[in-house]
Amino acid sequence: FVVSLFVRRFNGDEGIIGEWAYWLANIGEARSMLYQSYFGDKALSLPIYHKFYTILLAGVIKVFGFTPFYLRLLSLLSFAGVLWLSNLYLKQNQITLFSLPVLVGIYLAQSLWFNFAFLARPELMMAFLVLAVFVLLKQFSTTRHWKWAFLAGLVSGLSFYTHLNGLAIIAAGGLFLLFRFQWQAVISYGISAFLVAS
């Protein structure tokens, strides 16, 4: 895995997302010259894109410059976050069968995890955010304190701001609380998710 970090091929979507971040870092607006052949002048001011992820990439560009290696580090950090949350969850539930090296091996044995762990796309960040929502809702199930539902709502709202598929995360968390008849938690979760997502 480590050796592959320096010899990876470029993915077409990396160019598109990287360009959004490049323009955002340089002119303060996400746009796409690559999309101009598809969408014409509408591509010069994109209303829908992976906003939170693109904002973070724009920050990476401002610090390190426009280099694919550094743009991919965001996914590598997200992968590290997934490993950390997985390990935390297993320890909290006293599941000792899997150590951290075993977890790394399990994840990297899957070709999509291996590939997306160092690819400038938002999927790994989404995996990190959905796992964070899961851990927070599990904490709510244990303590029954609404603050965990509120925090889960904030993270799920952030997932929607990262990628439109985050809407499924918001819905899943809301349904989880709804089926448990936790009305105060449903309201706090919904309000916090709405505040971040809108």
C-alpha atoms as a PDB file:
ATOM      1  CA  PHE A   1       0.000   0.000   0.000  1.00  0.00           C
ATOM      2  CA  VAL A   2       2.725   2.480   1.002  1.00  0.00           C
ATOM      3  CA  VAL A   3       4.726   1.829  -2.183  1.00  0.00           C
ATOM      4  CA  SER A   4       1.587   2.362  -4.309  1.00  0.00           C
ATOM      5  CA  LEU A   5       1.147   5.885  -2.924  1.00  0.00           C
ATOM      6  CA  PHE A   6       3.916   7.135  -5.192  1.00  0.00           C
ATOM      7  CA  VAL A   7       2.994   5.303  -8.402  1.00  0.00           C
ATOM      8  CA  ARG A   8      -0.777   5.635  -8.625  1.00  0.00           C
ATOM      9  CA  ARG A   9      -2.535   6.421 -11.887  1.00  0.00           C
ATOM     10  CA  PHE A  10      -4.705   9.488 -12.174  1.00  0.00           C
ATOM     11  CA  ASN A  11      -8.445   9.074 -11.924  1.00  0.00           C
ATOM     12  CA  GLY A  12     -10.598  11.219 -14.244  1.00  0.00           C
ATOM     13  CA  ASP A  13     -12.773  12.438 -11.383  1.00  0.00           C
ATOM     14  CA  GLU A  14      -9.694  13.643  -9.550  1.00  0.00           C
ATOM     15  CA  GLY A  15      -9.095  16.091 -12.370  1.00  0.00           C
ATOM     16  CA  ILE A  16     -12.636  17.423 -12.208  1.00  0.00           C
ATOM     17  CA  ILE A  17     -12.780  17.711  -8.408  1.00  0.00           C
ATOM     18  CA  GLY A  18      -9.232  19.050  -8.311  1.00  0.00           C
ATOM     19  CA  GLU A  19     -10.210  21.729 -10.813  1.00  0.00           C
ATOM     20  CA  TRP A  20     -13.183  22.785  -8.664  1.00  0.00           C
ATOM     21  CA  ALA A  21     -10.823  23.154  -5.707  1.00  0.00           C
ATOM     22  CA  TYR A  22      -8.194  24.936  -7.808  1.00  0.00           C
ATOM     23  CA  TRP A  23     -10.643  27.629  -8.900  1.00  0.00           C
ATOM     24  CA  LEU A  24     -12.106  27.892  -5.401  1.00  0.00           C
ATOM     25  CA  ALA A  25      -8.612  28.415  -3.953  1.00  0.00           C
ATOM     26  CA  ASN A  26      -7.647  30.980  -6.607  1.00  0.00           C
ATOM     27  CA  ILE A  27     -10.796  32.969  -7.419  1.00  0.00           C
ATOM     28  CA  GLY A  28     -13.140  32.018  -4.581  1.00  0.00           C
ATOM     29  CA  GLU A  29     -15.641  30.173  -6.785  1.00  0.00           C
ATOM     30  CA  ALA A  30     -15.861  26.540  -7.886  1.00  0.00           C
ATOM     31  CA  ARG A  31     -16.000  26.217 -11.649  1.00  0.00           C
ATOM     32  CA  SER A  32     -15.093  23.701 -14.299  1.00  0.00           C
ATOM     33  CA  MET A  33     -13.523  24.325 -17.659  1.00  0.00           C
ATOM     34  CA  LEU A  34     -13.598  20.537 -18.190  1.00  0.00           C
ATOM     35  CA  TYR A  35     -17.402  20.569 -17.911  1.00  0.00           C
ATOM     36  CA  GLN A  36     -17.818  23.532 -20.218  1.00  0.00           C
ATOM     37  CA  SER A  37     -18.215  21.278 -23.257  1.00  0.00           C
ATOM     38  CA  TYR A  38     -21.156  19.565 -21.498  1.00  0.00           C
ATOM     39  CA  PHE A  39     -22.860  22.448 -19.733  1.00  0.00           C
ATOM     40  CA  GLY A  40     -21.654  25.544 -21.571  1.00  0.00           C
ATOM     41  CA  ASP A  41     -21.397  28.717 -19.493  1.00  0.00           C
ATOM     42  CA  LYS A  42     -23.284  27.073 -16.597  1.00  0.00           C
ATOM     43  CA  ALA A  43     -20.035  25.244 -15.799  1.00  0.00           C
ATOM     44  CA  LEU A  44     -18.391  28.570 -14.979  1.00  0.00           C
ATOM     45  CA  SER A  45     -20.388  28.829 -11.758  1.00  0.00           C
ATOM     46  CA  LEU A  46     -21.307  25.436 -10.325  1.00  0.00           C
ATOM     47  CA  PRO A  47     -24.307  25.408  -7.969  1.00  0.00           C
ATOM     48  CA  ILE A  48     -23.931  21.727  -7.050  1.00  0.00           C
ATOM     49  CA  TYR A  49     -20.649  20.040  -6.203  1.00  0.00           C
ATOM     50  CA  HIS A  50     -19.000  18.256  -3.260  1.00  0.00           C
ATOM     51  CA  LYS A  51     -18.834  21.507  -1.308  1.00  0.00           C
ATOM     52  CA  PHE A  52     -17.227  20.628   2.031  1.00  0.00           C
ATOM     53  CA  TYR A  53     -14.742  18.282   0.389  1.00  0.00           C
ATOM     54  CA  THR A  54     -13.895  20.895  -2.248  1.00  0.00           C
ATOM     55  CA  ILE A  55     -13.451  23.587   0.415  1.00  0.00           C
ATOM     56  CA  LEU A  56     -10.996  21.340   2.272  1.00  0.00           C
ATOM     57  CA  LEU A  57      -9.130  20.594  -0.978  1.00  0.00           C
ATOM     58  CA  ALA A  58      -8.943  24.326  -1.707  1.00  0.00           C
ATOM     59  CA  GLY A  59      -7.300  24.737   1.706  1.00  0.00           C
ATOM     60  CA  VAL A  60      -4.805  21.988   0.843  1.00  0.00           C
ATOM     61  CA  ILE A  61      -4.026  23.802  -2.442  1.00  0.00           C
ATOM     62  CA  LYS A  62      -3.431  27.084  -0.611  1.00  0.00           C
ATOM     63  CA  VAL A  63      -0.972  25.391   1.756  1.00  0.00           C
ATOM     64  CA  PHE A  64       0.802  22.840  -0.469  1.00  0.00           C
ATOM     65  CA  GLY A  65      -0.008  23.930  -4.014  1.00  0.00           C
ATOM     66  CA  PHE A  66      -1.873  22.071  -6.737  1.00  0.00           C
ATOM     67  CA  THR A  67      -0.210  18.660  -6.552  1.00  0.00           C
ATOM     68  CA  PRO A  68      -2.153  15.369  -6.833  1.00  0.00           C
ATOM     69  CA  PHE A  69      -0.132  13.738  -4.042  1.00  0.00           C
ATOM     70  CA  TYR A  70      -1.220  16.375  -1.509  1.00  0.00           C
ATOM     71  CA  LEU A  71      -4.826  16.434  -2.739  1.00  0.00           C
ATOM     72  CA  ARG A  72      -5.017  12.687  -2.094  1.00  0.00           C
ATOM     73  CA  LEU A  73      -3.846  13.093   1.508  1.00  0.00           C
ATOM     74  CA  LEU A  74      -7.366  14.150   2.508  1.00  0.00           C
ATOM     75  CA  SER A  75      -8.639  10.667   1.642  1.00  0.00           C
ATOM     76  CA  LEU A  76      -5.708   9.083   3.460  1.00  0.00           C
ATOM     77  CA  LEU A  77      -6.577  11.097   6.585  1.00  0.00           C
ATOM     78  CA  SER A  78     -10.217  10.034   6.219  1.00  0.00           C
ATOM     79  CA  PHE A  79      -9.065   6.417   5.972  1.00  0.00           C
ATOM     80  CA  ALA A  80      -7.039   6.876   9.171  1.00  0.00           C
ATOM     81  CA  GLY A  81     -10.205   8.315  10.769  1.00  0.00           C
ATOM     82  CA  VAL A  82     -12.211   5.242   9.715  1.00  0.00           C
ATOM     83  CA  LEU A  83      -9.567   2.995  11.270  1.00  0.00           C
ATOM     84  CA  TRP A  84      -9.561   5.053  14.472  1.00  0.00           C
ATOM     85  CA  LEU A  85     -13.375   5.015  14.786  1.00  0.00           C
ATOM     86  CA  SER A  86     -13.536   1.289  13.991  1.00  0.00           C
ATOM     87  CA  ASN A  87     -10.940   0.574  16.652  1.00  0.00           C
ATOM     88  CA  LEU A  88     -12.731   2.838  19.142  1.00  0.00           C
ATOM     89  CA  TYR A  89     -16.059   1.119  18.507  1.00  0.00           C
ATOM     90  CA  LEU A  90     -14.551  -2.349  18.923  1.00  0.00           C
ATOM     91  CA  LYS A  91     -12.854  -1.359  22.197  1.00  0.00           C
ATOM     92  CA  GLN A  92     -16.018   0.269  23.568  1.00  0.00           C
ATOM     93  CA  ASN A  93     -17.920  -2.940  22.876  1.00  0.00           C
ATOM     94  CA  GLN A  94     -15.121  -5.119  24.253  1.00  0.00           C
ATOM     95  CA  ILE A  95     -14.570  -6.913  20.955  1.00  0.00           C
ATOM     96  CA  THR A  96     -10.950  -8.014  21.235  1.00  0.00           C
ATOM     97  CA  LEU A  97     -10.829 -10.297  18.213  1.00  0.00           C
ATOM     98  CA  PHE A  98      -9.561  -7.483  15.952  1.00  0.00           C
ATOM     99  CA  SER A  99      -6.423  -5.486  16.707  1.00  0.00           C
ATOM    100  CA  LEU A 100      -5.542  -2.329  14.763  1.00  0.00           C
ATOM    101  CA  PRO A 101      -3.135  -4.133  12.368  1.00  0.00           C
ATOM    102  CA  VAL A 102      -5.854  -6.717  11.648  1.00  0.00           C
ATOM    103  CA  LEU A 103      -8.339  -3.901  10.933  1.00  0.00           C
ATOM    104  CA  VAL A 104      -5.883  -2.268   8.530  1.00  0.00           C
ATOM    105  CA  GLY A 105      -5.426  -5.607   6.775  1.00  0.00           C
ATOM    106  CA  ILE A 106      -9.168  -6.242   6.528  1.00  0.00           C
ATOM    107  CA  TYR A 107      -9.828  -2.834   5.006  1.00  0.00           C
ATOM    108  CA  LEU A 108      -6.882  -2.852   2.610  1.00  0.00           C
ATOM    109  CA  ALA A 109      -7.666  -6.400   1.448  1.00  0.00           C
ATOM    110  CA  GLN A 110     -10.746  -4.899  -0.211  1.00  0.00           C
ATOM    111  CA  SER A 111      -9.720  -3.414  -3.549  1.00  0.00           C
ATOM    112  CA  LEU A 112     -12.063  -0.415  -3.302  1.00  0.00           C
ATOM    113  CA  TRP A 113     -10.713   0.555   0.125  1.00  0.00           C
ATOM    114  CA  PHE A 114      -7.177   0.095  -1.166  1.00  0.00           C
ATOM    115  CA  ASN A 115      -7.903   2.327  -4.157  1.00  0.00           C
ATOM    116  CA  PHE A 116     -10.046   5.017  -2.520  1.00  0.00           C
ATOM    117  CA  ALA A 117      -7.768   5.384   0.512  1.00  0.00           C
ATOM    118  CA  PHE A 118      -5.484   7.488  -1.683  1.00  0.00           C
ATOM    119  CA  LEU A 119      -7.745   9.035  -4.310  1.00  0.00           C
ATOM    120  CA  ALA A 120      -8.914  12.661  -4.358  1.00  0.00           C
ATOM    121  CA  ARG A 121     -12.607  11.827  -4.128  1.00  0.00           C
ATOM    122  CA  PRO A 122     -15.068  12.257  -1.213  1.00  0.00           C
ATOM    123  CA  GLU A 123     -16.024   8.583  -0.703  1.00  0.00           C
ATOM    124  CA  LEU A 124     -13.582   7.948   2.155  1.00  0.00           C
ATOM    125  CA  MET A 125     -14.617  11.153   3.882  1.00  0.00           C
ATOM    126  CA  MET A 126     -18.223   9.994   3.554  1.00  0.00           C
ATOM    127  CA  ALA A 127     -17.269   6.621   5.065  1.00  0.00           C
ATOM    128  CA  PHE A 128     -15.618   8.427   7.974  1.00  0.00           C
ATOM    129  CA  LEU A 129     -18.672  10.659   8.517  1.00  0.00           C
ATOM    130  CA  VAL A 130     -21.193   7.805   8.340  1.00  0.00           C
ATOM    131  CA  LEU A 131     -19.142   5.774  10.810  1.00  0.00           C
ATOM    132  CA  ALA A 132     -18.995   8.828  13.101  1.00  0.00           C
ATOM    133  CA  VAL A 133     -22.804   9.119  12.932  1.00  0.00           C
ATOM    134  CA  PHE A 134     -23.080   5.414  13.765  1.00  0.00           C
ATOM    135  CA  VAL A 135     -20.759   5.727  16.766  1.00  0.00           C
ATOM    136  CA  LEU A 136     -22.616   8.820  18.047  1.00  0.00           C
ATOM    137  CA  LEU A 137     -26.030   7.159  17.670  1.00  0.00           C
ATOM    138  CA  LYS A 138     -24.677   4.071  19.436  1.00  0.00           C
ATOM    139  CA  GLN A 139     -23.587   6.380  22.254  1.00  0.00           C
ATOM    140  CA  PHE A 140     -27.101   7.837  22.297  1.00  0.00           C
ATOM    141  CA  SER A 141     -28.569   4.312  22.518  1.00  0.00           C
ATOM    142  CA  THR A 142     -26.389   3.649  25.543  1.00  0.00           C
ATOM    143  CA  THR A 143     -26.883   6.937  27.439  1.00  0.00           C
ATOM    144  CA  ARG A 144     -30.278   8.154  26.104  1.00  0.00           C
ATOM    145  CA  HIS A 145     -28.926  11.705  26.268  1.00  0.00           C
ATOM    146  CA  TRP A 146     -30.153  13.949  23.434  1.00  0.00           C
ATOM    147  CA  LYS A 147     -26.737  15.645  23.011  1.00  0.00           C
ATOM    148  CA  TRP A 148     -25.425  12.541  21.206  1.00  0.00           C
ATOM    149  CA  ALA A 149     -28.329  12.724  18.765  1.00  0.00           C
ATOM    150  CA  PHE A 150     -27.619  16.435  18.270  1.00  0.00           C
ATOM    151  CA  LEU A 151     -23.946  15.720  17.508  1.00  0.00           C
ATOM    152  CA  ALA A 152     -24.950  12.876  15.157  1.00  0.00           C
ATOM    153  CA  GLY A 153     -27.228  15.341  13.362  1.00  0.00           C
ATOM    154  CA  LEU A 154     -24.374  17.818  12.947  1.00  0.00           C
ATOM    155  CA  VAL A 155     -22.142  15.142  11.442  1.00  0.00           C
ATOM    156  CA  SER A 156     -24.882  13.785   9.172  1.00  0.00           C
ATOM    157  CA  GLY A 157     -25.621  17.328   7.988  1.00  0.00           C
ATOM    158  CA  LEU A 158     -21.927  17.719   7.231  1.00  0.00           C
ATOM    159  CA  SER A 159     -22.067  14.507   5.201  1.00  0.00           C
ATOM    160  CA  PHE A 160     -24.811  16.030   3.034  1.00  0.00           C
ATOM    161  CA  TYR A 161     -22.689  19.164   2.630  1.00  0.00           C
ATOM    162  CA  THR A 162     -19.842  16.876   1.534  1.00  0.00           C
ATOM    163  CA  HIS A 163     -21.810  14.770  -0.975  1.00  0.00           C
ATOM    164  CA  LEU A 164     -25.487  14.633  -1.956  1.00  0.00           C
ATOM    165  CA  ASN A 165     -25.552  10.959  -0.912  1.00  0.00           C
ATOM    166  CA  GLY A 166     -25.355  12.305   2.632  1.00  0.00           C
ATOM    167  CA  LEU A 167     -29.131  12.710   2.411  1.00  0.00           C
ATOM    168  CA  ALA A 168     -29.349   8.928   2.894  1.00  0.00           C
ATOM    169  CA  ILE A 169     -27.238   9.251   6.064  1.00  0.00           C
ATOM    170  CA  ILE A 170     -29.550  11.949   7.428  1.00  0.00           C
ATOM    171  CA  ALA A 171     -32.600   9.822   6.643  1.00  0.00           C
ATOM    172  CA  ALA A 172     -31.123   6.645   8.145  1.00  0.00           C
ATOM    173  CA  GLY A 173     -30.188   8.375  11.400  1.00  0.00           C
ATOM    174  CA  GLY A 174     -33.587  10.044  11.641  1.00  0.00           C
ATOM    175  CA  LEU A 175     -35.417   6.761  11.022  1.00  0.00           C
ATOM    176  CA  PHE A 176     -33.242   5.003  13.593  1.00  0.00           C
ATOM    177  CA  LEU A 177     -34.308   7.536  16.236  1.00  0.00           C
ATOM    178  CA  LEU A 178     -37.905   7.638  15.033  1.00  0.00           C
ATOM    179  CA  PHE A 179     -38.330   3.860  15.329  1.00  0.00           C
ATOM    180  CA  ARG A 180     -37.027   4.073  18.881  1.00  0.00           C
ATOM    181  CA  PHE A 181     -39.710   6.685  19.674  1.00  0.00           C
ATOM    182  CA  GLN A 182     -37.138   9.143  20.988  1.00  0.00           C
ATOM    183  CA  TRP A 183     -38.958  12.349  20.061  1.00  0.00           C
ATOM    184  CA  GLN A 184     -36.600  14.801  21.760  1.00  0.00           C
ATOM    185  CA  ALA A 185     -33.653  13.107  20.068  1.00  0.00           C
ATOM    186  CA  VAL A 186     -35.424  13.098  16.678  1.00  0.00           C
ATOM    187  CA  ILE A 187     -36.069  16.841  16.961  1.00  0.00           C
ATOM    188  CA  SER A 188     -32.508  17.692  18.070  1.00  0.00           C
ATOM    189  CA  TYR A 189     -31.047  15.420  15.370  1.00  0.00           C
ATOM    190  CA  GLY A 190     -33.273  16.923  12.676  1.00  0.00           C
ATOM    191  CA  ILE A 191     -32.608  20.524  13.665  1.00  0.00           C
ATOM    192  CA  SER A 192     -28.837  20.101  13.812  1.00  0.00           C
ATOM    193  CA  ALA A 193     -28.734  18.152  10.511  1.00  0.00           C
ATOM    194  CA  PHE A 194     -30.880  20.811   8.833  1.00  0.00           C
ATOM    195  CA  LEU A 195     -28.731  23.671  10.155  1.00  0.00           C
ATOM    196  CA  VAL A 196     -25.537  22.208   8.736  1.00  0.00           C
ATOM    197  CA  ALA A 197     -27.016  20.821   5.489  1.00  0.00           C
ATOM    198  CA  SER A 198     -28.793  24.036   4.560  1.00  0.00           C
END
